Amino acid sequence: MTAPLADFRPQSLSLKINGRDVGPLQVPAGLMMIDLLHEYLDLTGSRLGCGQGVCHACVVILDHQDGTSEEVRTCITGAHFFAGKSIRTIEGHAQRNEQGEVVALSPVQQKFLEHFSFQCGYCTPGFVNAATVLIERLKRQPVAREKVEETITEALNEHICRCTGYVRYYEAVKEVVMTTPGLVKDAA
């Protein structure tokens, strides 16, 4: 069975990626977001892992107008879903100078390096995005000290690492959570 012709007709798409306005672009109606990022915008940091939304290597951060954020899987979400929205990809985490050179990693990226959290690195962008969403949530709603590990597990649980690097990812995220002021509250 072939895809309906309507899935290939270009439609105008504008959105914000990593703080910059993108578009309007003419993008096929049925194009998945991972393909827009890779093929149209040369943002190849998000990884196509399973292609079925299971591994979460492809996630980007969707920023909501109320200041909250969430992960969205780009291999199963059409590019046009993001029309008018603001997202962050793995390329948007580090601080860059005017020439585009990285001058500082995000706290999550830095801790991942310090903990040697990755082996092949394929799943790392998804884990960085998940940890970033968690940190941002904890800034708004701190977690009780005794719930830190459970909270981290819930935040990272759906991400798959084929090299089984989970322990180091979790340790790195725990260090960020425990050393960033205001994310953890002591029991009353």
N, C-alpha and C. Protein backbone atom coordinates (compact mmCIF):
# COMPACT_ATOMS: atom_id res chain seq x y z
N MET A 1 0.85 -1.18 0.00
CA MET A 1 0.00 0.00 0.00
C MET A 1 0.89 1.24 0.00
N THR A 2 0.58 2.19 -0.84
CA THR A 2 1.36 3.42 -0.91
C THR A 2 0.69 4.50 -0.08
N ALA A 3 1.47 5.49 0.32
CA ALA A 3 0.96 6.60 1.12
C ALA A 3 0.07 7.47 0.24
N PRO A 4 -0.96 8.04 0.81
CA PRO A 4 -1.82 8.95 0.04
C PRO A 4 -1.01 10.12 -0.49
N LEU A 5 -1.39 10.60 -1.65
CA LEU A 5 -0.69 11.72 -2.29
C LEU A 5 -0.64 12.94 -1.37
N ALA A 6 -1.68 13.16 -0.57
CA ALA A 6 -1.72 14.32 0.33
C ALA A 6 -0.56 14.31 1.32
N ASP A 7 -0.01 13.13 1.63
CA ASP A 7 1.11 13.05 2.57
C ASP A 7 2.38 13.66 2.01
N PHE A 8 2.44 13.88 0.71
CA PHE A 8 3.65 14.40 0.09
C PHE A 8 3.52 15.84 -0.38
N ARG A 9 2.34 16.42 -0.31
CA ARG A 9 2.15 17.80 -0.74
C ARG A 9 2.79 18.74 0.27
N PRO A 10 3.64 19.64 -0.21
CA PRO A 10 4.29 20.58 0.72
C PRO A 10 3.29 21.53 1.36
N GLN A 11 3.55 21.81 2.61
CA GLN A 11 2.77 22.79 3.37
C GLN A 11 3.77 23.70 4.07
N SER A 12 3.37 24.92 4.31
CA SER A 12 4.23 25.88 4.98
C SER A 12 4.37 25.53 6.46
N LEU A 13 5.59 25.64 6.97
CA LEU A 13 5.87 25.33 8.37
C LEU A 13 6.84 26.36 8.94
N SER A 14 6.47 26.95 10.05
CA SER A 14 7.34 27.87 10.79
C SER A 14 7.31 27.45 12.25
N LEU A 15 8.48 27.51 12.89
CA LEU A 15 8.61 27.19 14.30
C LEU A 15 9.87 27.82 14.83
N LYS A 16 10.10 27.64 16.12
CA LYS A 16 11.32 28.15 16.74
C LYS A 16 12.13 26.94 17.19
N ILE A 17 13.42 26.92 16.81
CA ILE A 17 14.32 25.84 17.20
C ILE A 17 15.55 26.45 17.86
N ASN A 18 15.81 26.03 19.07
CA ASN A 18 16.96 26.52 19.83
C ASN A 18 17.02 28.04 19.89
N GLY A 19 15.84 28.63 20.05
CA GLY A 19 15.74 30.08 20.20
C GLY A 19 15.72 30.88 18.92
N ARG A 20 15.80 30.20 17.78
CA ARG A 20 15.81 30.90 16.49
C ARG A 20 14.56 30.57 15.68
N ASP A 21 14.03 31.57 15.01
CA ASP A 21 12.89 31.36 14.13
C ASP A 21 13.34 30.59 12.91
N VAL A 22 12.58 29.57 12.55
CA VAL A 22 12.85 28.75 11.38
C VAL A 22 11.61 28.77 10.49
N GLY A 23 11.80 29.07 9.22
CA GLY A 23 10.69 29.06 8.29
C GLY A 23 10.25 30.47 7.94
N PRO A 24 9.25 30.51 7.08
CA PRO A 24 8.46 29.36 6.62
C PRO A 24 9.23 28.48 5.61
N LEU A 25 9.08 27.19 5.83
CA LEU A 25 9.64 26.17 4.95
C LEU A 25 8.49 25.43 4.29
N GLN A 26 8.72 24.97 3.08
CA GLN A 26 7.73 24.10 2.43
C GLN A 26 8.11 22.66 2.75
N VAL A 27 7.26 21.99 3.54
CA VAL A 27 7.57 20.67 4.07
C VAL A 27 6.42 19.72 3.75
N PRO A 28 6.72 18.52 3.25
CA PRO A 28 5.66 17.55 2.99
C PRO A 28 4.80 17.32 4.22
N ALA A 29 3.50 17.19 4.02
CA ALA A 29 2.55 17.07 5.12
C ALA A 29 2.87 15.89 6.03
N GLY A 30 3.31 14.78 5.51
CA GLY A 30 3.54 13.58 6.31
C GLY A 30 4.96 13.39 6.80
N LEU A 31 5.81 14.40 6.65
CA LEU A 31 7.21 14.27 7.04
C LEU A 31 7.35 14.20 8.56
N MET A 32 8.11 13.24 9.03
CA MET A 32 8.37 13.14 10.47
C MET A 32 9.38 14.22 10.87
N MET A 33 9.29 14.66 12.11
CA MET A 33 10.15 15.73 12.59
C MET A 33 11.63 15.35 12.53
N ILE A 34 11.97 14.11 12.82
CA ILE A 34 13.38 13.68 12.76
C ILE A 34 13.94 13.92 11.37
N ASP A 35 13.11 13.71 10.34
CA ASP A 35 13.56 13.92 8.96
C ASP A 35 13.71 15.41 8.65
N LEU A 36 12.83 16.23 9.18
CA LEU A 36 12.99 17.68 9.00
C LEU A 36 14.30 18.14 9.64
N LEU A 37 14.54 17.70 10.86
CA LEU A 37 15.77 18.11 11.55
C LEU A 37 17.00 17.67 10.78
N HIS A 38 17.03 16.41 10.36
CA HIS A 38 18.22 15.86 9.69
C HIS A 38 18.37 16.36 8.26
N GLU A 39 17.32 16.25 7.48
CA GLU A 39 17.42 16.47 6.03
C GLU A 39 17.25 17.93 5.60
N TYR A 40 16.46 18.69 6.34
CA TYR A 40 16.19 20.07 5.93
C TYR A 40 17.04 21.07 6.70
N LEU A 41 17.35 20.76 7.96
CA LEU A 41 17.98 21.75 8.84
C LEU A 41 19.39 21.38 9.29
N ASP A 42 19.87 20.22 8.89
CA ASP A 42 21.21 19.74 9.25
C ASP A 42 21.43 19.73 10.76
N LEU A 43 20.38 19.43 11.50
CA LEU A 43 20.46 19.23 12.96
C LEU A 43 20.39 17.73 13.19
N THR A 44 21.54 17.09 13.19
CA THR A 44 21.59 15.63 13.21
C THR A 44 21.88 15.04 14.58
N GLY A 45 21.86 15.86 15.63
CA GLY A 45 22.14 15.36 16.97
C GLY A 45 21.10 14.42 17.51
N SER A 46 19.83 14.67 17.23
CA SER A 46 18.78 13.75 17.64
C SER A 46 18.93 12.49 16.81
N ARG A 47 18.86 11.35 17.44
CA ARG A 47 19.16 10.09 16.76
C ARG A 47 17.90 9.31 16.40
N LEU A 48 17.92 8.74 15.22
CA LEU A 48 16.87 7.82 14.83
C LEU A 48 17.30 6.44 15.29
N GLY A 49 16.69 5.96 16.35
CA GLY A 49 17.03 4.65 16.91
C GLY A 49 16.10 3.59 16.37
N CYS A 50 14.96 3.44 17.01
CA CYS A 50 14.03 2.37 16.66
C CYS A 50 13.07 2.77 15.56
N GLY A 51 12.78 4.05 15.40
CA GLY A 51 11.83 4.51 14.41
C GLY A 51 10.39 4.22 14.78
N GLN A 52 10.17 3.77 16.02
CA GLN A 52 8.81 3.42 16.48
C GLN A 52 8.43 4.12 17.77
N GLY A 53 9.26 5.04 18.24
CA GLY A 53 8.95 5.79 19.45
C GLY A 53 9.22 5.05 20.74
N VAL A 54 9.98 3.97 20.68
CA VAL A 54 10.23 3.16 21.87
C VAL A 54 11.51 3.56 22.58
N CYS A 55 12.59 3.81 21.86
CA CYS A 55 13.91 3.99 22.49
C CYS A 55 14.16 5.40 23.02
N HIS A 56 13.48 6.40 22.50
CA HIS A 56 13.59 7.79 22.92
C HIS A 56 14.93 8.45 22.57
N ALA A 57 15.69 7.88 21.66
CA ALA A 57 16.94 8.52 21.23
C ALA A 57 16.66 9.80 20.43
N CYS A 58 15.47 9.91 19.88
CA CYS A 58 15.13 11.00 18.97
C CYS A 58 14.45 12.19 19.63
N VAL A 59 14.28 12.17 20.95
CA VAL A 59 13.45 13.20 21.57
C VAL A 59 14.06 14.60 21.46
N VAL A 60 13.16 15.55 21.35
CA VAL A 60 13.49 16.97 21.47
C VAL A 60 12.69 17.50 22.65
N ILE A 61 13.03 18.69 23.08
CA ILE A 61 12.29 19.33 24.17
C ILE A 61 11.31 20.31 23.56
N LEU A 62 10.04 20.15 23.89
CA LEU A 62 9.00 21.07 23.47
C LEU A 62 8.76 22.03 24.62
N ASP A 63 8.96 23.32 24.36
CA ASP A 63 8.77 24.35 25.38
C ASP A 63 7.36 24.92 25.25
N HIS A 64 6.64 24.90 26.35
CA HIS A 64 5.28 25.44 26.38
C HIS A 64 5.31 26.90 26.82
N GLN A 65 4.28 27.62 26.46
CA GLN A 65 4.22 29.05 26.78
C GLN A 65 4.17 29.32 28.27
N ASP A 66 3.70 28.35 29.07
CA ASP A 66 3.62 28.54 30.51
C ASP A 66 4.95 28.29 31.22
N GLY A 67 6.01 28.03 30.45
CA GLY A 67 7.32 27.81 31.02
C GLY A 67 7.66 26.36 31.31
N THR A 68 6.71 25.47 31.11
CA THR A 68 6.99 24.05 31.29
C THR A 68 7.54 23.48 29.99
N SER A 69 8.09 22.28 30.09
CA SER A 69 8.64 21.63 28.91
C SER A 69 8.38 20.14 29.00
N GLU A 70 8.49 19.48 27.86
CA GLU A 70 8.30 18.04 27.81
C GLU A 70 9.11 17.46 26.67
N GLU A 71 9.38 16.17 26.76
CA GLU A 71 10.05 15.46 25.67
C GLU A 71 9.01 15.05 24.63
N VAL A 72 9.39 15.14 23.36
CA VAL A 72 8.53 14.65 22.29
C VAL A 72 9.39 13.81 21.35
N ARG A 73 8.90 12.62 21.04
CA ARG A 73 9.62 11.71 20.13
C ARG A 73 9.42 12.17 18.70
N THR A 74 10.52 12.42 18.01
CA THR A 74 10.44 12.98 16.66
C THR A 74 10.32 11.93 15.56
N CYS A 75 10.57 10.67 15.88
CA CYS A 75 10.46 9.64 14.84
C CYS A 75 9.02 9.25 14.57
N ILE A 76 8.12 9.57 15.50
CA ILE A 76 6.70 9.22 15.30
C ILE A 76 5.80 10.46 15.33
N THR A 77 6.40 11.64 15.37
CA THR A 77 5.64 12.88 15.40
C THR A 77 5.94 13.67 14.14
N GLY A 78 4.90 14.02 13.44
CA GLY A 78 5.05 14.77 12.20
C GLY A 78 5.60 16.16 12.45
N ALA A 79 6.36 16.67 11.50
CA ALA A 79 6.96 17.99 11.61
C ALA A 79 5.90 19.07 11.81
N HIS A 80 4.75 18.92 11.15
CA HIS A 80 3.72 19.96 11.23
C HIS A 80 3.06 20.03 12.60
N PHE A 81 3.22 19.02 13.43
CA PHE A 81 2.74 19.09 14.81
C PHE A 81 3.42 20.26 15.53
N PHE A 82 4.63 20.59 15.15
CA PHE A 82 5.43 21.62 15.81
C PHE A 82 5.20 23.01 15.24
N ALA A 83 4.29 23.17 14.30
CA ALA A 83 4.03 24.47 13.69
C ALA A 83 3.70 25.50 14.77
N GLY A 84 4.44 26.61 14.74
CA GLY A 84 4.21 27.70 15.69
C GLY A 84 4.73 27.43 17.09
N LYS A 85 5.37 26.30 17.31
CA LYS A 85 5.86 25.93 18.63
C LYS A 85 7.36 26.18 18.75
N SER A 86 7.86 26.01 19.95
CA SER A 86 9.28 26.22 20.22
C SER A 86 9.87 24.93 20.76
N ILE A 87 10.97 24.49 20.13
CA ILE A 87 11.63 23.26 20.58
C ILE A 87 13.11 23.51 20.80
N ARG A 88 13.73 22.60 21.55
CA ARG A 88 15.17 22.59 21.72
C ARG A 88 15.68 21.22 21.31
N THR A 89 16.75 21.22 20.55
CA THR A 89 17.41 19.99 20.17
C THR A 89 18.70 19.89 20.98
N ILE A 90 19.39 18.79 20.88
CA ILE A 90 20.64 18.62 21.59
C ILE A 90 21.65 19.70 21.21
N GLU A 91 21.56 20.21 19.99
CA GLU A 91 22.48 21.26 19.55
C GLU A 91 22.27 22.58 20.30
N GLY A 92 21.14 22.73 20.97
CA GLY A 92 20.82 23.98 21.65
C GLY A 92 21.19 24.04 23.11
N HIS A 93 21.82 23.02 23.67
CA HIS A 93 22.12 23.00 25.11
C HIS A 93 23.37 23.78 25.50
N ALA A 94 24.43 23.61 24.78
CA ALA A 94 25.70 24.26 25.13
C ALA A 94 25.63 25.76 24.82
N GLN A 95 26.39 26.53 25.56
CA GLN A 95 26.51 27.96 25.28
C GLN A 95 27.53 28.15 24.17
N ARG A 96 27.23 29.06 23.26
CA ARG A 96 28.10 29.30 22.11
C ARG A 96 28.45 30.77 22.03
N ASN A 97 29.60 31.06 21.45
CA ASN A 97 29.97 32.45 21.23
C ASN A 97 29.38 32.93 19.91
N GLU A 98 29.71 34.16 19.51
CA GLU A 98 29.14 34.74 18.29
C GLU A 98 29.55 33.98 17.03
N GLN A 99 30.67 33.27 17.08
CA GLN A 99 31.13 32.49 15.93
C GLN A 99 30.49 31.09 15.91
N GLY A 100 29.68 30.79 16.92
CA GLY A 100 29.02 29.49 16.97
C GLY A 100 29.85 28.41 17.65
N GLU A 101 30.99 28.78 18.21
CA GLU A 101 31.84 27.81 18.89
C GLU A 101 31.32 27.56 20.30
N VAL A 102 31.38 26.30 20.74
CA VAL A 102 30.94 25.96 22.09
C VAL A 102 31.93 26.55 23.10
N VAL A 103 31.40 27.32 24.07
CA VAL A 103 32.23 27.90 25.11
C VAL A 103 31.95 27.29 26.48
N ALA A 104 30.78 26.67 26.65
CA ALA A 104 30.45 26.01 27.91
C ALA A 104 29.34 24.99 27.66
N LEU A 105 29.49 23.82 28.25
CA LEU A 105 28.45 22.80 28.18
C LEU A 105 27.37 23.10 29.21
N SER A 106 26.19 22.55 29.01
CA SER A 106 25.15 22.66 30.02
C SER A 106 25.58 21.84 31.23
N PRO A 107 25.01 22.09 32.41
CA PRO A 107 25.36 21.28 33.58
C PRO A 107 25.15 19.77 33.36
N VAL A 108 24.10 19.41 32.66
CA VAL A 108 23.84 17.99 32.39
C VAL A 108 24.93 17.43 31.48
N GLN A 109 25.24 18.12 30.40
CA GLN A 109 26.29 17.65 29.51
C GLN A 109 27.62 17.51 30.24
N GLN A 110 27.95 18.49 31.07
CA GLN A 110 29.22 18.45 31.80
C GLN A 110 29.28 17.25 32.73
N LYS A 111 28.21 16.98 33.45
CA LYS A 111 28.21 15.83 34.37
C LYS A 111 28.26 14.52 33.60
N PHE A 112 27.62 14.45 32.44
CA PHE A 112 27.70 13.24 31.63
C PHE A 112 29.15 12.97 31.24
N LEU A 113 29.88 14.02 30.88
CA LEU A 113 31.29 13.85 30.55
C LEU A 113 32.10 13.42 31.77
N GLU A 114 31.89 14.08 32.88
CA GLU A 114 32.64 13.77 34.09
C GLU A 114 32.41 12.34 34.58
N HIS A 115 31.21 11.83 34.35
CA HIS A 115 30.87 10.47 34.79
C HIS A 115 31.11 9.42 33.69
N PHE A 116 31.64 9.85 32.55
CA PHE A 116 31.82 8.93 31.41
C PHE A 116 30.53 8.16 31.17
N SER A 117 29.44 8.91 31.07
CA SER A 117 28.10 8.32 31.06
C SER A 117 27.74 7.58 29.80
N PHE A 118 28.49 7.71 28.76
CA PHE A 118 28.10 7.10 27.50
C PHE A 118 29.21 6.20 26.98
N GLN A 119 28.80 5.25 26.17
CA GLN A 119 29.78 4.41 25.50
C GLN A 119 29.77 4.77 24.03
N CYS A 120 28.79 4.29 23.29
CA CYS A 120 28.75 4.65 21.87
C CYS A 120 28.19 6.06 21.68
N GLY A 121 27.37 6.55 22.62
CA GLY A 121 26.84 7.90 22.57
C GLY A 121 25.57 8.06 21.77
N TYR A 122 25.08 6.99 21.16
CA TYR A 122 23.92 7.11 20.29
C TYR A 122 22.68 7.58 21.06
N CYS A 123 22.49 7.09 22.26
CA CYS A 123 21.31 7.44 23.05
C CYS A 123 21.49 8.72 23.85
N THR A 124 22.70 9.25 23.91
CA THR A 124 23.01 10.38 24.78
C THR A 124 22.13 11.60 24.54
N PRO A 125 21.85 12.01 23.31
CA PRO A 125 21.00 13.20 23.14
C PRO A 125 19.64 13.05 23.82
N GLY A 126 19.05 11.87 23.74
CA GLY A 126 17.77 11.65 24.40
C GLY A 126 17.89 11.73 25.91
N PHE A 127 18.96 11.16 26.46
CA PHE A 127 19.17 11.23 27.90
C PHE A 127 19.43 12.67 28.35
N VAL A 128 20.19 13.44 27.58
CA VAL A 128 20.45 14.84 27.92
C VAL A 128 19.13 15.61 27.94
N ASN A 129 18.31 15.41 26.93
CA ASN A 129 17.03 16.11 26.88
C ASN A 129 16.12 15.70 28.04
N ALA A 130 16.07 14.42 28.36
CA ALA A 130 15.24 13.94 29.47
C ALA A 130 15.71 14.53 30.79
N ALA A 131 17.01 14.53 31.01
CA ALA A 131 17.56 15.08 32.26
C ALA A 131 17.30 16.58 32.34
N THR A 132 17.40 17.27 31.22
CA THR A 132 17.15 18.71 31.20
C THR A 132 15.70 19.01 31.56
N VAL A 133 14.77 18.27 30.99
CA VAL A 133 13.35 18.45 31.32
C VAL A 133 13.13 18.19 32.81
N LEU A 134 13.77 17.16 33.34
CA LEU A 134 13.65 16.86 34.78
C LEU A 134 14.18 18.02 35.62
N ILE A 135 15.37 18.52 35.31
CA ILE A 135 15.96 19.62 36.07
C ILE A 135 15.05 20.85 36.04
N GLU A 136 14.51 21.15 34.88
CA GLU A 136 13.61 22.30 34.76
C GLU A 136 12.34 22.11 35.59
N ARG A 137 11.83 20.89 35.62
CA ARG A 137 10.64 20.59 36.43
C ARG A 137 10.95 20.74 37.92
N LEU A 138 12.13 20.25 38.33
CA LEU A 138 12.50 20.33 39.74
C LEU A 138 12.75 21.76 40.19
N LYS A 139 13.12 22.64 39.27
CA LYS A 139 13.27 24.06 39.62
C LYS A 139 11.93 24.66 40.01
N ARG A 140 10.86 24.17 39.39
CA ARG A 140 9.51 24.64 39.71
C ARG A 140 8.91 23.87 40.88
N GLN A 141 9.22 22.57 40.96
CA GLN A 141 8.64 21.69 41.98
C GLN A 141 9.74 20.81 42.56
N PRO A 142 10.47 21.30 43.55
CA PRO A 142 11.55 20.49 44.13
C PRO A 142 11.04 19.16 44.67
N VAL A 143 11.93 18.19 44.68
CA VAL A 143 11.59 16.84 45.13
C VAL A 143 12.16 16.63 46.53
N ALA A 144 11.47 15.83 47.32
CA ALA A 144 11.97 15.47 48.64
C ALA A 144 13.23 14.62 48.48
N ARG A 145 14.19 14.84 49.35
CA ARG A 145 15.48 14.14 49.28
C ARG A 145 15.31 12.62 49.16
N GLU A 146 14.38 12.07 49.90
CA GLU A 146 14.19 10.61 49.86
C GLU A 146 13.55 10.11 48.56
N LYS A 147 13.09 11.02 47.72
CA LYS A 147 12.46 10.64 46.46
C LYS A 147 13.33 10.94 45.24
N VAL A 148 14.56 11.39 45.46
CA VAL A 148 15.43 11.78 44.35
C VAL A 148 15.66 10.62 43.39
N GLU A 149 16.09 9.49 43.89
CA GLU A 149 16.41 8.36 43.00
C GLU A 149 15.18 7.87 42.26
N GLU A 150 14.06 7.79 42.94
CA GLU A 150 12.81 7.38 42.30
C GLU A 150 12.41 8.36 41.20
N THR A 151 12.57 9.64 41.47
CA THR A 151 12.22 10.68 40.49
C THR A 151 13.11 10.59 39.25
N ILE A 152 14.40 10.37 39.46
CA ILE A 152 15.32 10.22 38.33
C ILE A 152 14.96 8.99 37.51
N THR A 153 14.69 7.89 38.19
CA THR A 153 14.31 6.66 37.49
C THR A 153 13.07 6.89 36.63
N GLU A 154 12.07 7.55 37.19
CA GLU A 154 10.84 7.83 36.42
C GLU A 154 11.14 8.70 35.20
N ALA A 155 12.02 9.67 35.35
CA ALA A 155 12.32 10.60 34.25
C ALA A 155 13.11 9.94 33.13
N LEU A 156 13.98 9.00 33.47
CA LEU A 156 14.86 8.39 32.47
C LEU A 156 14.40 6.99 32.04
N ASN A 157 13.41 6.46 32.69
CA ASN A 157 13.02 5.06 32.55
C ASN A 157 12.70 4.62 31.12
N GLU A 158 12.13 5.49 30.32
CA GLU A 158 11.72 5.08 28.97
C GLU A 158 12.86 5.13 27.96
N HIS A 159 13.99 5.66 28.36
CA HIS A 159 15.14 5.76 27.45
C HIS A 159 15.92 4.45 27.44
N ILE A 160 16.27 4.02 26.24
CA ILE A 160 16.98 2.76 26.08
C ILE A 160 18.42 3.04 25.67
N CYS A 161 19.35 2.38 26.37
CA CYS A 161 20.77 2.44 26.05
C CYS A 161 21.20 1.02 25.70
N ARG A 162 21.55 0.79 24.46
CA ARG A 162 21.94 -0.56 24.03
C ARG A 162 23.28 -0.99 24.62
N CYS A 163 24.09 -0.02 25.03
CA CYS A 163 25.39 -0.35 25.63
C CYS A 163 25.27 -0.56 27.14
N THR A 164 24.08 -0.43 27.67
CA THR A 164 23.77 -0.58 29.10
C THR A 164 24.54 0.39 29.98
N GLY A 165 24.60 1.64 29.58
CA GLY A 165 25.29 2.66 30.35
C GLY A 165 24.41 3.34 31.37
N TYR A 166 23.31 2.73 31.75
CA TYR A 166 22.33 3.37 32.62
C TYR A 166 22.91 3.89 33.93
N VAL A 167 23.72 3.10 34.61
CA VAL A 167 24.21 3.48 35.93
C VAL A 167 24.92 4.82 35.87
N ARG A 168 25.74 5.02 34.89
CA ARG A 168 26.49 6.29 34.80
C ARG A 168 25.59 7.47 34.43
N TYR A 169 24.60 7.23 33.58
CA TYR A 169 23.64 8.30 33.30
C TYR A 169 22.92 8.70 34.58
N TYR A 170 22.44 7.71 35.31
CA TYR A 170 21.70 7.99 36.54
C TYR A 170 22.59 8.69 37.56
N GLU A 171 23.83 8.25 37.70
CA GLU A 171 24.75 8.89 38.65
C GLU A 171 25.00 10.35 38.28
N ALA A 172 25.18 10.61 37.01
CA ALA A 172 25.42 11.98 36.55
C ALA A 172 24.21 12.87 36.83
N VAL A 173 23.03 12.37 36.51
CA VAL A 173 21.81 13.16 36.74
C VAL A 173 21.62 13.38 38.24
N LYS A 174 21.87 12.36 39.04
CA LYS A 174 21.74 12.51 40.49
C LYS A 174 22.69 13.59 41.00
N GLU A 175 23.89 13.63 40.49
CA GLU A 175 24.83 14.65 40.94
C GLU A 175 24.34 16.05 40.57
N VAL A 176 23.80 16.21 39.37
CA VAL A 176 23.25 17.51 38.98
C VAL A 176 22.12 17.89 39.93
N VAL A 177 21.21 16.96 40.18
CA VAL A 177 20.06 17.24 41.05
C VAL A 177 20.53 17.60 42.46
N MET A 178 21.46 16.82 42.99
CA MET A 178 21.87 17.02 44.38
C MET A 178 22.75 18.26 44.57
N THR A 179 23.42 18.73 43.53
CA THR A 179 24.33 19.87 43.68
C THR A 179 23.76 21.18 43.15
N THR A 180 22.60 21.14 42.53
CA THR A 180 21.98 22.37 42.04
C THR A 180 21.03 22.90 43.12
N PRO A 181 21.31 24.08 43.64
CA PRO A 181 20.47 24.63 44.71
C PRO A 181 19.00 24.74 44.29
N GLY A 182 18.12 24.35 45.23
CA GLY A 182 16.68 24.52 45.04
C GLY A 182 15.94 23.35 44.41
N LEU A 183 16.66 22.28 43.99
CA LEU A 183 15.98 21.16 43.34
C LEU A 183 15.49 20.11 44.34
N VAL A 184 16.13 20.07 45.50
CA VAL A 184 15.81 19.05 46.50
C VAL A 184 15.39 19.75 47.79
N LYS A 185 14.34 19.24 48.39
CA LYS A 185 13.90 19.80 49.68
C LYS A 185 14.00 18.72 50.74
N ASP A 186 14.33 19.13 51.93
CA ASP A 186 14.39 18.20 53.06
C ASP A 186 12.98 17.96 53.58
N ALA A 187 12.76 16.79 54.17
CA ALA A 187 11.44 16.45 54.72
C ALA A 187 11.07 17.43 55.81
N ALA A 188 9.80 17.74 55.89
CA ALA A 188 9.33 18.72 56.89
C ALA A 188 9.26 18.13 58.27
